[in-house]
Amino acid sequence: MSEPLLSNDAAATVSTEAAPKPPRIRKKRRTTRRTDAKPTSSHPSLDAMPVEIIAEILTHVPSPREVLAVTRCNRHLHAMLRNPGNASIWRRAREQCHVGEMPAPPPGMSEPAHAAFVLDGGTCEVCKKSTNNMYFSYALRIRLCGRTECRTKGLPELLATNVMSSSPLEQFILSWIPRLEEDIMRLDNSSFHWLMYRHTVLPRKKEYASAVDEYNKVLTLGLSVDEWQESHLQDVFSLEAKQKHACILIKWRKKWDDRANEIRKKNIKLALEIADREGWDKQSLLDSPTYGALHRAHCNALEKVPLFSFEIARAQIEGEVLHISEERVRREKEHAYQVRLDDVARHLERLRAATGKPAVLPTLTSFRSLPVIKLMQAKDTDASGVDKELKSSDTIRDFLQSDLEKWVAAARSDLGEVLGFPRWKNASSKVLHPVDRVTARFICQRCHHVSNKYADAQSLDFAGACAHECPGLDKKMRKRSMWKADQFIPDQKGINVISRAVVLAGSRAEDEAAKGTLEGLAAVFVCKSCDPAIVMDFRRLVGHCKRHDDMQFALVSPTEANVIIGNKPYEAGLYAKVNGRTPEAKKLQEGRNFVCRHCVVAPDAGKRAMIFHGLVSHLKQKHGITHVGDEDFYQEK
């Protein structure tokens, strides 16, 4: 046997040192409050008061609604006041109610449950919004909010208004299901027309339909109708007492509503008197946290606000009213400023739509920076704004025209430098500025995006560059992103192609008529860089040249162009007409009558009609065309 590495004493020592400590046993923390525990607060609390003192306090409340509020404070008070031995507290509050003694609960219902049933709010059955209103109908347990639409339009949907009690079956069903109280039709002052239902029994639509379905099941299953009627005899006997109690509650609720309206008018009158005396705004006084809470509490308790309650908190209320008034003035100024901003934006859109030819106008951010516009935006006006002055004032119109001319002149000079013509000048009035020529094309190097108006050319002219706003910017970024000429670069491909087209058309780029000459030509430009050749008009020439590094094209006669396109007419604007989200465009997209010109003119290529989206996918996958144009397809009629 081999010798042990350690002696017994050493091993014992090591074993003792290595022995783990026993885990510490933690006492389980008590998570529930002891029922006999006293309140820890140093302030007086209802929890610490004997039930006799609480009962004495609650004898002075104006209605059982306050007793309900105390009951729902915590579990201790809930258990104490729900105790049947303390029913006298509820009884005294009910008998001493300010609007008159509240009806006693029917047999089988406790005082607390009856108080909650009569006084509590809930959810409106029509609009499903929370409301503090009592039941509109205690018999049907229908609760409605104060909106007129819920009473005039929603209530008839809940009632079975077409019930005819002529047959014995209907008479029996109506004898045991609850119905709308007749006193509602007499006492309700809403705009719902009760006159047409004054001789009609109005049960709930669902309950009546359920009773009819129950009767039909009895007939279907072959059961005894007599036994079915006997099963509802108890409901027949108890319905009269329930309906009588519901009618009593409706009359008492009418007293409550009248008293509440009277107290509310008196308290509002007092608030108006206080506001007039102190020189405050009445709404600011009612919106103040202190007086607003005082006003609402007394209105809910059906009591007048005592004047001494206001005098006690006058200093605090004054500070709150001052703060609310300042906030209201600030909001009104902000609203008026926003109205002026909207008026300026609307006026810019009006200027863009007013001119017959494309006008050179700045972006909205640059337009707001014009001196006269800055003055109009900063003008101290009310919510009426400055729209009327912008439209009718000749002085403002003249100043604005002068500011726009200065801005356009500066933009023309800066963009001319972008095209390579710094400080360009010419003595002849017949020679166009470089940015006004047909060869002036720009690309925004920030976003490389163009609006739908310039989608065919995929670049901007001078007017488009001046009005260009990069998309995808939020409101704050648009304010910071001011328009600058150095954000644009020349569209060199487009400039080269247009320059050659001008020469082929026998015109000059600096002539004002050059653009009209090129746009007046039909689809007579033939791209020789495409295989096979494709025919297009001048409007598509600039956009099409982006597909090639060095586009080669020619200007042919209309007859030669028709031969190339195979007598399939070139329809200008076809892509824009079909590629839209309008119902007409979507209807056109579903038609299987679009044909690819690249496949038709190619040798040994069969003609295949497609829907529009299939055509777009075909052009991208087979021909590598991502920006589709009118020259790429035609529509069979």
Foldseek 3Di string as FASTA:
>chain_A
DDDDPDDPVVVVVVVVVPDDDDDDDDDDDDDDDDPPDDDPDPDDDPLPDDPVVVLVVLLPFQACVVVLVQLPPDDSSVVVCPPLVNLVSLQSRQCNHPLHRHDDDDPPDGSVRVCCLQQAWAAQPFPRDTARDHALFSQQRHRHHPDLCCVAPVVVVFKPQPDDCPDPVSVLLLLQHTWGALVSLVLPPHPHNCVVCNVPTIGTPVSSVVSVVVVVVCVVVVHDPVVVSVVRVVSNVVRVVSSVSRNSSVVSVSSVVVLLVVQLVQQLVVLVVVCVVVVADSVLLCPQPPNVVQSVVQSVSSHHRDPVSCVVCVVVSVVSRVVVVVVVVVVQQVLLLVLQLVLLVVVVVVVCPVDPDGDQFAASLVLCVQVLNVVQSPDRDGNVYCNVVSVPPPVSVVSSVVSRVVVLVVLLQLLLVLVPQHPDDDPDPQFARVLLWPLFWKAQQVALDFDPVLLLLSTDGNSRLRHDDHPPDDPVVSNVDDRDSVRIHTPVLLSVQLCVVLVQLVHHRRGPCSVVSQQPDAQFKWWVVDVVIWTGGPSNRNVVSVVDPHIDIHGGDPVVNCVQQVVQDQDACPCVQQPDDDPVNVVQQPDQFKWFSNQVNHPPGDTGTGGNVVLQVCCCPPVVDNRDHSRGIHGDD
